[in-house]
Amino acid sequence: MWYSVAMKYRKQNHCVYYCEYHLVFATKYRRKIFNDGIFAYMKDRLKQIKDYYPEIDILKINHDVDHIHVLVVIPPKFSVSKVVRIIKSN
């Protein structure tokens, strides 16, 4: 199988879904600010989103010096833009 993560279908009252999104958040002007300390802080903040929005599941988080990669599962009741707004506001 070409995909390494096992497919996990999720259920809600009205649907069964499998929606994974790869989001990339770049810094303004692509400034190189993400070192290990700042990334550890960002990782903790992203994991706290689960406390307030249990339907949003963050699978993987990775970084480079000027951007962050987030693999997230978003239920159909949320739009992608709403989840990006939630992540950026936190």
PDB file of N, CA and C in Angstrom:
ATOM      1  N   MET A   1       0.843  -1.176   0.000  1.00  0.00           N
ATOM      2  CA  MET A   1       0.000   0.000   0.000  1.00  0.00           C
ATOM      3  C   MET A   1       0.886   1.235   0.000  1.00  0.00           C
ATOM      4  N   TRP A   2       0.579   2.231  -0.750  1.00  0.00           N
ATOM      5  CA  TRP A   2       1.410   3.414  -0.900  1.00  0.00           C
ATOM      6  C   TRP A   2       1.336   4.358   0.283  1.00  0.00           C
ATOM      7  N   TYR A   3       0.361   4.233   1.144  1.00  0.00           N
ATOM      8  CA  TYR A   3       0.174   5.149   2.255  1.00  0.00           C
ATOM      9  C   TYR A   3       0.546   4.445   3.543  1.00  0.00           C
ATOM     10  N   SER A   4       1.466   5.029   4.313  1.00  0.00           N
ATOM     11  CA  SER A   4       2.012   4.338   5.476  1.00  0.00           C
ATOM     12  C   SER A   4       1.079   4.342   6.683  1.00  0.00           C
ATOM     13  N   VAL A   5       0.271   5.382   6.858  1.00  0.00           N
ATOM     14  CA  VAL A   5      -0.643   5.445   7.997  1.00  0.00           C
ATOM     15  C   VAL A   5      -1.885   4.624   7.662  1.00  0.00           C
ATOM     16  N   ALA A   6      -2.286   3.773   8.586  1.00  0.00           N
ATOM     17  CA  ALA A   6      -3.469   2.939   8.354  1.00  0.00           C
ATOM     18  C   ALA A   6      -4.712   3.828   8.246  1.00  0.00           C
ATOM     19  N   MET A   7      -5.534   3.529   7.258  1.00  0.00           N
ATOM     20  CA  MET A   7      -6.743   4.322   7.058  1.00  0.00           C
ATOM     21  C   MET A   7      -7.726   4.047   8.190  1.00  0.00           C
ATOM     22  N   LYS A   8      -8.155   5.098   8.830  1.00  0.00           N
ATOM     23  CA  LYS A   8      -9.093   4.966   9.932  1.00  0.00           C
ATOM     24  C   LYS A   8     -10.325   5.794   9.605  1.00  0.00           C
ATOM     25  N   TYR A   9     -11.405   5.129   9.330  1.00  0.00           N
ATOM     26  CA  TYR A   9     -12.646   5.840   9.057  1.00  0.00           C
ATOM     27  C   TYR A   9     -13.227   6.343  10.360  1.00  0.00           C
ATOM     28  N   ARG A  10     -13.742   7.540  10.337  1.00  0.00           N
ATOM     29  CA  ARG A  10     -14.324   8.149  11.526  1.00  0.00           C
ATOM     30  C   ARG A  10     -15.820   8.296  11.315  1.00  0.00           C
ATOM     31  N   LYS A  11     -16.561   8.225  12.401  1.00  0.00           N
ATOM     32  CA  LYS A  11     -18.017   8.256  12.306  1.00  0.00           C
ATOM     33  C   LYS A  11     -18.579   9.432  13.078  1.00  0.00           C
ATOM     34  N   GLN A  12     -19.633  10.003  12.522  1.00  0.00           N
ATOM     35  CA  GLN A  12     -20.477  10.951  13.216  1.00  0.00           C
ATOM     36  C   GLN A  12     -21.901  10.453  13.067  1.00  0.00           C
ATOM     37  N   ASN A  13     -22.852  11.174  13.600  1.00  0.00           N
ATOM     38  CA  ASN A  13     -24.238  10.724  13.540  1.00  0.00           C
ATOM     39  C   ASN A  13     -24.769  10.619  12.118  1.00  0.00           C
ATOM     40  N   HIS A  14     -24.279  11.461  11.232  1.00  0.00           N
ATOM     41  CA  HIS A  14     -24.855  11.523   9.896  1.00  0.00           C
ATOM     42  C   HIS A  14     -23.916  11.057   8.792  1.00  0.00           C
ATOM     43  N   CYS A  15     -22.672  10.701   9.120  1.00  0.00           N
ATOM     44  CA  CYS A  15     -21.748  10.345   8.036  1.00  0.00           C
ATOM     45  C   CYS A  15     -20.569   9.523   8.549  1.00  0.00           C
ATOM     46  N   VAL A  16     -19.887   8.912   7.615  1.00  0.00           N
ATOM     47  CA  VAL A  16     -18.609   8.252   7.850  1.00  0.00           C
ATOM     48  C   VAL A  16     -17.623   8.958   6.939  1.00  0.00           C
ATOM     49  N   TYR A  17     -16.469   9.358   7.483  1.00  0.00           N
ATOM     50  CA  TYR A  17     -15.554  10.165   6.685  1.00  0.00           C
ATOM     51  C   TYR A  17     -14.103   9.778   6.924  1.00  0.00           C
ATOM     52  N   TYR A  18     -13.279  10.163   5.988  1.00  0.00           N
ATOM     53  CA  TYR A  18     -11.831  10.019   6.071  1.00  0.00           C
ATOM     54  C   TYR A  18     -11.235  11.221   5.347  1.00  0.00           C
ATOM     55  N   CYS A  19     -11.021  12.296   6.060  1.00  0.00           N
ATOM     56  CA  CYS A  19     -10.541  13.546   5.459  1.00  0.00           C
ATOM     57  C   CYS A  19      -9.266  13.988   6.164  1.00  0.00           C
ATOM     58  N   GLU A  20      -8.130  13.753   5.527  1.00  0.00           N
ATOM     59  CA  GLU A  20      -6.848  14.221   6.051  1.00  0.00           C
ATOM     60  C   GLU A  20      -6.371  15.377   5.184  1.00  0.00           C
ATOM     61  N   TYR A  21      -5.845  16.391   5.832  1.00  0.00           N
ATOM     62  CA  TYR A  21      -5.346  17.556   5.120  1.00  0.00           C
ATOM     63  C   TYR A  21      -3.926  17.844   5.560  1.00  0.00           C
ATOM     64  N   HIS A  22      -3.078  18.180   4.609  1.00  0.00           N
ATOM     65  CA  HIS A  22      -1.709  18.575   4.876  1.00  0.00           C
ATOM     66  C   HIS A  22      -1.656  20.095   4.793  1.00  0.00           C
ATOM     67  N   LEU A  23      -1.490  20.735   5.947  1.00  0.00           N
ATOM     68  CA  LEU A  23      -1.459  22.192   6.012  1.00  0.00           C
ATOM     69  C   LEU A  23      -0.024  22.649   6.224  1.00  0.00           C
ATOM     70  N   VAL A  24       0.352  23.719   5.538  1.00  0.00           N
ATOM     71  CA  VAL A  24       1.685  24.301   5.691  1.00  0.00           C
ATOM     72  C   VAL A  24       1.501  25.755   6.097  1.00  0.00           C
ATOM     73  N   PHE A  25       2.082  26.111   7.236  1.00  0.00           N
ATOM     74  CA  PHE A  25       2.026  27.479   7.736  1.00  0.00           C
ATOM     75  C   PHE A  25       3.410  28.089   7.605  1.00  0.00           C
ATOM     76  N   ALA A  26       3.526  29.075   6.736  1.00  0.00           N
ATOM     77  CA  ALA A  26       4.802  29.746   6.522  1.00  0.00           C
ATOM     78  C   ALA A  26       4.843  31.034   7.330  1.00  0.00           C
ATOM     79  N   THR A  27       6.050  31.441   7.714  1.00  0.00           N
ATOM     80  CA  THR A  27       6.209  32.692   8.433  1.00  0.00           C
ATOM     81  C   THR A  27       6.140  33.862   7.460  1.00  0.00           C
ATOM     82  N   LYS A  28       5.878  35.023   7.987  1.00  0.00           N
ATOM     83  CA  LYS A  28       5.818  36.217   7.148  1.00  0.00           C
ATOM     84  C   LYS A  28       7.214  36.501   6.593  1.00  0.00           C
ATOM     85  N   TYR A  29       7.267  36.747   5.312  1.00  0.00           N
ATOM     86  CA  TYR A  29       8.512  36.982   4.577  1.00  0.00           C
ATOM     87  C   TYR A  29       9.472  35.797   4.657  1.00  0.00           C
ATOM     88  N   ARG A  30       8.938  34.637   4.992  1.00  0.00           N
ATOM     89  CA  ARG A  30       9.719  33.386   5.111  1.00  0.00           C
ATOM     90  C   ARG A  30      10.925  33.555   6.038  1.00  0.00           C
ATOM     91  N   ARG A  31      10.714  34.278   7.128  1.00  0.00           N
ATOM     92  CA  ARG A  31      11.790  34.479   8.106  1.00  0.00           C
ATOM     93  C   ARG A  31      12.104  33.161   8.779  1.00  0.00           C
ATOM     94  N   LYS A  32      13.353  32.934   9.042  1.00  0.00           N
ATOM     95  CA  LYS A  32      13.836  31.679   9.622  1.00  0.00           C
ATOM     96  C   LYS A  32      13.830  31.790  11.150  1.00  0.00           C
ATOM     97  N   ILE A  33      12.689  31.488  11.762  1.00  0.00           N
ATOM     98  CA  ILE A  33      12.554  31.660  13.211  1.00  0.00           C
ATOM     99  C   ILE A  33      12.334  30.350  13.953  1.00  0.00           C
ATOM    100  N   PHE A  34      12.025  29.265  13.275  1.00  0.00           N
ATOM    101  CA  PHE A  34      11.673  28.028  13.970  1.00  0.00           C
ATOM    102  C   PHE A  34      12.919  27.219  14.305  1.00  0.00           C
ATOM    103  N   ASN A  35      13.316  27.283  15.566  1.00  0.00           N
ATOM    104  CA  ASN A  35      14.344  26.386  16.067  1.00  0.00           C
ATOM    105  C   ASN A  35      13.651  25.339  16.930  1.00  0.00           C
ATOM    106  N   ASP A  36      14.406  24.497  17.605  1.00  0.00           N
ATOM    107  CA  ASP A  36      13.799  23.400  18.374  1.00  0.00           C
ATOM    108  C   ASP A  36      12.967  23.908  19.549  1.00  0.00           C
ATOM    109  N   GLY A  37      13.386  24.983  20.189  1.00  0.00           N
ATOM    110  CA  GLY A  37      12.635  25.519  21.325  1.00  0.00           C
ATOM    111  C   GLY A  37      11.295  26.100  20.915  1.00  0.00           C
ATOM    112  N   ILE A  38      11.290  26.895  19.870  1.00  0.00           N
ATOM    113  CA  ILE A  38      10.031  27.493  19.396  1.00  0.00           C
ATOM    114  C   ILE A  38       9.111  26.414  18.839  1.00  0.00           C
ATOM    115  N   PHE A  39       9.691  25.421  18.165  1.00  0.00           N
ATOM    116  CA  PHE A  39       8.859  24.342  17.634  1.00  0.00           C
ATOM    117  C   PHE A  39       8.227  23.526  18.756  1.00  0.00           C
ATOM    118  N   ALA A  40       8.956  23.285  19.847  1.00  0.00           N
ATOM    119  CA  ALA A  40       8.392  22.552  20.986  1.00  0.00           C
ATOM    120  C   ALA A  40       7.205  23.322  21.579  1.00  0.00           C
ATOM    121  N   TYR A  41       7.335  24.646  21.671  1.00  0.00           N
ATOM    122  CA  TYR A  41       6.232  25.472  22.166  1.00  0.00           C
ATOM    123  C   TYR A  41       5.030  25.397  21.224  1.00  0.00           C
ATOM    124  N   MET A  42       5.281  25.509  19.917  1.00  0.00           N
ATOM    125  CA  MET A  42       4.200  25.437  18.930  1.00  0.00           C
ATOM    126  C   MET A  42       3.519  24.070  18.966  1.00  0.00           C
ATOM    127  N   LYS A  43       4.293  23.025  19.142  1.00  0.00           N
ATOM    128  CA  LYS A  43       3.737  21.666  19.196  1.00  0.00           C
ATOM    129  C   LYS A  43       2.798  21.523  20.394  1.00  0.00           C
ATOM    130  N   ASP A  44       3.208  22.059  21.548  1.00  0.00           N
ATOM    131  CA  ASP A  44       2.342  22.012  22.732  1.00  0.00           C
ATOM    132  C   ASP A  44       1.054  22.803  22.513  1.00  0.00           C
ATOM    133  N   ARG A  45       1.159  23.978  21.887  1.00  0.00           N
ATOM    134  CA  ARG A  45      -0.019  24.794  21.628  1.00  0.00           C
ATOM    135  C   ARG A  45      -0.971  24.104  20.650  1.00  0.00           C
ATOM    136  N   LEU A  46      -0.413  23.433  19.631  1.00  0.00           N
ATOM    137  CA  LEU A  46      -1.271  22.740  18.668  1.00  0.00           C
ATOM    138  C   LEU A  46      -1.979  21.549  19.309  1.00  0.00           C
ATOM    139  N   LYS A  47      -1.328  20.888  20.247  1.00  0.00           N
ATOM    140  CA  LYS A  47      -1.974  19.759  20.920  1.00  0.00           C
ATOM    141  C   LYS A  47      -3.078  20.204  21.863  1.00  0.00           C
ATOM    142  N   GLN A  48      -3.038  21.452  22.326  1.00  0.00           N
ATOM    143  CA  GLN A  48      -4.093  21.968  23.198  1.00  0.00           C
ATOM    144  C   GLN A  48      -5.392  22.222  22.453  1.00  0.00           C
ATOM    145  N   ILE A  49      -5.345  22.305  21.145  1.00  0.00           N
ATOM    146  CA  ILE A  49      -6.568  22.497  20.355  1.00  0.00           C
ATOM    147  C   ILE A  49      -7.522  21.336  20.568  1.00  0.00           C
ATOM    148  N   LYS A  50      -6.984  20.148  20.775  1.00  0.00           N
ATOM    149  CA  LYS A  50      -7.799  18.944  20.995  1.00  0.00           C
ATOM    150  C   LYS A  50      -8.688  19.082  22.242  1.00  0.00           C
ATOM    151  N   ASP A  51      -8.250  19.860  23.232  1.00  0.00           N
ATOM    152  CA  ASP A  51      -9.048  20.055  24.448  1.00  0.00           C
ATOM    153  C   ASP A  51     -10.350  20.797  24.156  1.00  0.00           C
ATOM    154  N   TYR A  52     -10.291  21.764  23.243  1.00  0.00           N
ATOM    155  CA  TYR A  52     -11.462  22.585  22.945  1.00  0.00           C
ATOM    156  C   TYR A  52     -12.254  22.071  21.738  1.00  0.00           C
ATOM    157  N   TYR A  53     -11.569  21.421  20.815  1.00  0.00           N
ATOM    158  CA  TYR A  53     -12.215  20.869  19.619  1.00  0.00           C
ATOM    159  C   TYR A  53     -11.829  19.396  19.498  1.00  0.00           C
ATOM    160  N   PRO A  54     -12.527  18.499  20.194  1.00  0.00           N
ATOM    161  CA  PRO A  54     -12.129  17.081  20.175  1.00  0.00           C
ATOM    162  C   PRO A  54     -12.314  16.402  18.820  1.00  0.00           C
ATOM    163  N   GLU A  55     -13.094  16.993  17.920  1.00  0.00           N
ATOM    164  CA  GLU A  55     -13.292  16.381  16.605  1.00  0.00           C
ATOM    165  C   GLU A  55     -12.087  16.584  15.699  1.00  0.00           C
ATOM    166  N   ILE A  56     -11.308  17.634  15.940  1.00  0.00           N
ATOM    167  CA  ILE A  56     -10.127  17.914  15.122  1.00  0.00           C
ATOM    168  C   ILE A  56      -8.971  17.107  15.673  1.00  0.00           C
ATOM    169  N   ASP A  57      -8.369  16.304  14.828  1.00  0.00           N
ATOM    170  CA  ASP A  57      -7.298  15.422  15.264  1.00  0.00           C
ATOM    171  C   ASP A  57      -6.020  15.767  14.502  1.00  0.00           C
ATOM    172  N   ILE A  58      -4.986  16.138  15.226  1.00  0.00           N
ATOM    173  CA  ILE A  58      -3.695  16.458  14.611  1.00  0.00           C
ATOM    174  C   ILE A  58      -2.838  15.202  14.664  1.00  0.00           C
ATOM    175  N   LEU A  59      -2.509  14.666  13.489  1.00  0.00           N
ATOM    176  CA  LEU A  59      -1.770  13.411  13.412  1.00  0.00           C
ATOM    177  C   LEU A  59      -0.264  13.607  13.490  1.00  0.00           C
ATOM    178  N   LYS A  60       0.261  14.522  12.683  1.00  0.00           N
ATOM    179  CA  LYS A  60       1.702  14.742  12.655  1.00  0.00           C
ATOM    180  C   LYS A  60       1.994  16.223  12.571  1.00  0.00           C
ATOM    181  N   ILE A  61       3.113  16.612  13.194  1.00  0.00           N
ATOM    182  CA  ILE A  61       3.589  17.988  13.140  1.00  0.00           C
ATOM    183  C   ILE A  61       5.084  17.921  12.856  1.00  0.00           C
ATOM    184  N   ASN A  62       5.536  18.722  11.897  1.00  0.00           N
ATOM    185  CA  ASN A  62       6.947  18.776  11.566  1.00  0.00           C
ATOM    186  C   ASN A  62       7.283  20.211  11.182  1.00  0.00           C
ATOM    187  N   HIS A  63       8.566  20.531  11.129  1.00  0.00           N
ATOM    188  CA  HIS A  63       8.937  21.908  10.822  1.00  0.00           C
ATOM    189  C   HIS A  63      10.241  21.987  10.046  1.00  0.00           C
ATOM    190  N   ASP A  64      10.430  23.143   9.452  1.00  0.00           N
ATOM    191  CA  ASP A  64      11.686  23.559   8.869  1.00  0.00           C
ATOM    192  C   ASP A  64      11.977  24.922   9.492  1.00  0.00           C
ATOM    193  N   VAL A  65      12.999  25.608   9.080  1.00  0.00           N
ATOM    194  CA  VAL A  65      13.339  26.873   9.739  1.00  0.00           C
ATOM    195  C   VAL A  65      12.345  27.992   9.439  1.00  0.00           C
ATOM    196  N   ASP A  66      11.554  27.858   8.367  1.00  0.00           N
ATOM    197  CA  ASP A  66      10.639  28.946   8.013  1.00  0.00           C
ATOM    198  C   ASP A  66       9.196  28.517   7.794  1.00  0.00           C
ATOM    199  N   HIS A  67       8.848  27.279   8.119  1.00  0.00           N
ATOM    200  CA  HIS A  67       7.455  26.845   7.994  1.00  0.00           C
ATOM    201  C   HIS A  67       7.188  25.612   8.852  1.00  0.00           C
ATOM    202  N   ILE A  68       5.893  25.355   9.089  1.00  0.00           N
ATOM    203  CA  ILE A  68       5.442  24.204   9.874  1.00  0.00           C
ATOM    204  C   ILE A  68       4.497  23.377   9.023  1.00  0.00           C
ATOM    205  N   HIS A  69       4.659  22.054   9.063  1.00  0.00           N
ATOM    206  CA  HIS A  69       3.757  21.125   8.386  1.00  0.00           C
ATOM    207  C   HIS A  69       2.860  20.489   9.440  1.00  0.00           C
ATOM    208  N   VAL A  70       1.564  20.422   9.140  1.00  0.00           N
ATOM    209  CA  VAL A  70       0.605  19.813  10.053  1.00  0.00           C
ATOM    210  C   VAL A  70      -0.284  18.877   9.238  1.00  0.00           C
ATOM    211  N   LEU A  71      -0.361  17.616   9.660  1.00  0.00           N
ATOM    212  CA  LEU A  71      -1.286  16.664   9.067  1.00  0.00           C
ATOM    213  C   LEU A  71      -2.470  16.548  10.013  1.00  0.00           C
ATOM    214  N   VAL A  72      -3.638  16.953   9.551  1.00  0.00           N
ATOM    215  CA  VAL A  72      -4.798  17.089  10.426  1.00  0.00           C
ATOM    216  C   VAL A  72      -6.010  16.393   9.804  1.00  0.00           C
ATOM    217  N   VAL A  73      -6.845  15.809  10.656  1.00  0.00           N
ATOM    218  CA  VAL A  73      -8.111  15.210  10.239  1.00  0.00           C
ATOM    219  C   VAL A  73      -9.215  16.180  10.626  1.00  0.00           C
ATOM    220  N   ILE A  74      -9.978  16.588   9.611  1.00  0.00           N
ATOM    221  CA  ILE A  74     -11.042  17.568   9.822  1.00  0.00           C
ATOM    222  C   ILE A  74     -12.381  16.927   9.484  1.00  0.00           C
ATOM    223  N   PRO A  75     -13.342  16.962  10.412  1.00  0.00           N
ATOM    224  CA  PRO A  75     -14.664  16.404  10.099  1.00  0.00           C
ATOM    225  C   PRO A  75     -15.395  17.279   9.090  1.00  0.00           C
ATOM    226  N   PRO A  76     -16.356  16.708   8.382  1.00  0.00           N
ATOM    227  CA  PRO A  76     -17.082  17.467   7.354  1.00  0.00           C
ATOM    228  C   PRO A  76     -17.889  18.650   7.885  1.00  0.00           C
ATOM    229  N   LYS A  77     -18.197  18.669   9.163  1.00  0.00           N
ATOM    230  CA  LYS A  77     -18.979  19.787   9.683  1.00  0.00           C
ATOM    231  C   LYS A  77     -18.149  21.059   9.815  1.00  0.00           C
ATOM    232  N   PHE A  78     -16.824  20.959   9.763  1.00  0.00           N
ATOM    233  CA  PHE A  78     -15.935  22.122   9.762  1.00  0.00           C
ATOM    234  C   PHE A  78     -15.392  22.334   8.365  1.00  0.00           C
ATOM    235  N   SER A  79     -15.289  23.576   7.959  1.00  0.00           N
ATOM    236  CA  SER A  79     -14.599  23.860   6.711  1.00  0.00           C
ATOM    237  C   SER A  79     -13.099  23.937   7.000  1.00  0.00           C
ATOM    238  N   VAL A  80     -12.305  23.757   5.968  1.00  0.00           N
ATOM    239  CA  VAL A  80     -10.856  23.807   6.136  1.00  0.00           C
ATOM    240  C   VAL A  80     -10.441  25.206   6.587  1.00  0.00           C
ATOM    241  N   SER A  81     -11.079  26.224   6.041  1.00  0.00           N
ATOM    242  CA  SER A  81     -10.726  27.595   6.424  1.00  0.00           C
ATOM    243  C   SER A  81     -11.032  27.876   7.896  1.00  0.00           C
ATOM    244  N   LYS A  82     -12.088  27.279   8.422  1.00  0.00           N
ATOM    245  CA  LYS A  82     -12.411  27.468   9.840  1.00  0.00           C
ATOM    246  C   LYS A  82     -11.354  26.819  10.731  1.00  0.00           C
ATOM    247  N   VAL A  83     -10.891  25.636  10.345  1.00  0.00           N
ATOM    248  CA  VAL A  83      -9.876  24.949  11.142  1.00  0.00           C
ATOM    249  C   VAL A  83      -8.544  25.699  11.063  1.00  0.00           C
ATOM    250  N   VAL A  84      -8.210  26.227   9.897  1.00  0.00           N
ATOM    251  CA  VAL A  84      -6.988  27.024   9.770  1.00  0.00           C
ATOM    252  C   VAL A  84      -7.091  28.263  10.651  1.00  0.00           C
ATOM    253  N   ARG A  85      -8.258  28.881  10.698  1.00  0.00           N
ATOM    254  CA  ARG A  85      -8.462  30.045  11.569  1.00  0.00           C
ATOM    255  C   ARG A  85      -8.298  29.663  13.044  1.00  0.00           C
ATOM    256  N   ILE A  86      -8.827  28.505  13.427  1.00  0.00           N
ATOM    257  CA  ILE A  86      -8.693  28.025  14.804  1.00  0.00           C
ATOM    258  C   ILE A  86      -7.230  27.795  15.145  1.00  0.00           C
ATOM    259  N   ILE A  87      -6.511  27.156  14.251  1.00  0.00           N
ATOM    260  CA  ILE A  87      -5.095  26.860  14.498  1.00  0.00           C
ATOM    261  C   ILE A  87      -4.288  28.151  14.575  1.00  0.00           C
ATOM    262  N   LYS A  88      -4.529  29.067  13.652  1.00  0.00           N
ATOM    263  CA  LYS A  88      -3.760  30.321  13.658  1.00  0.00           C
ATOM    264  C   LYS A  88      -4.096  31.195  14.851  1.00  0.00           C
ATOM    265  N   SER A  89      -5.325  31.153  15.329  1.00  0.00           N
ATOM    266  CA  SER A  89      -5.675  31.984  16.466  1.00  0.00           C
ATOM    267  C   SER A  89      -5.071  31.461  17.767  1.00  0.00           C
ATOM    268  N   ASN A  90      -4.757  30.191  17.801  1.00  0.00           N
ATOM    269  CA  ASN A  90      -4.117  29.634  18.992  1.00  0.00           C
ATOM    270  C   ASN A  90      -2.613  29.723  18.880  1.00  0.00           C
TER     271      ASN A  90
END
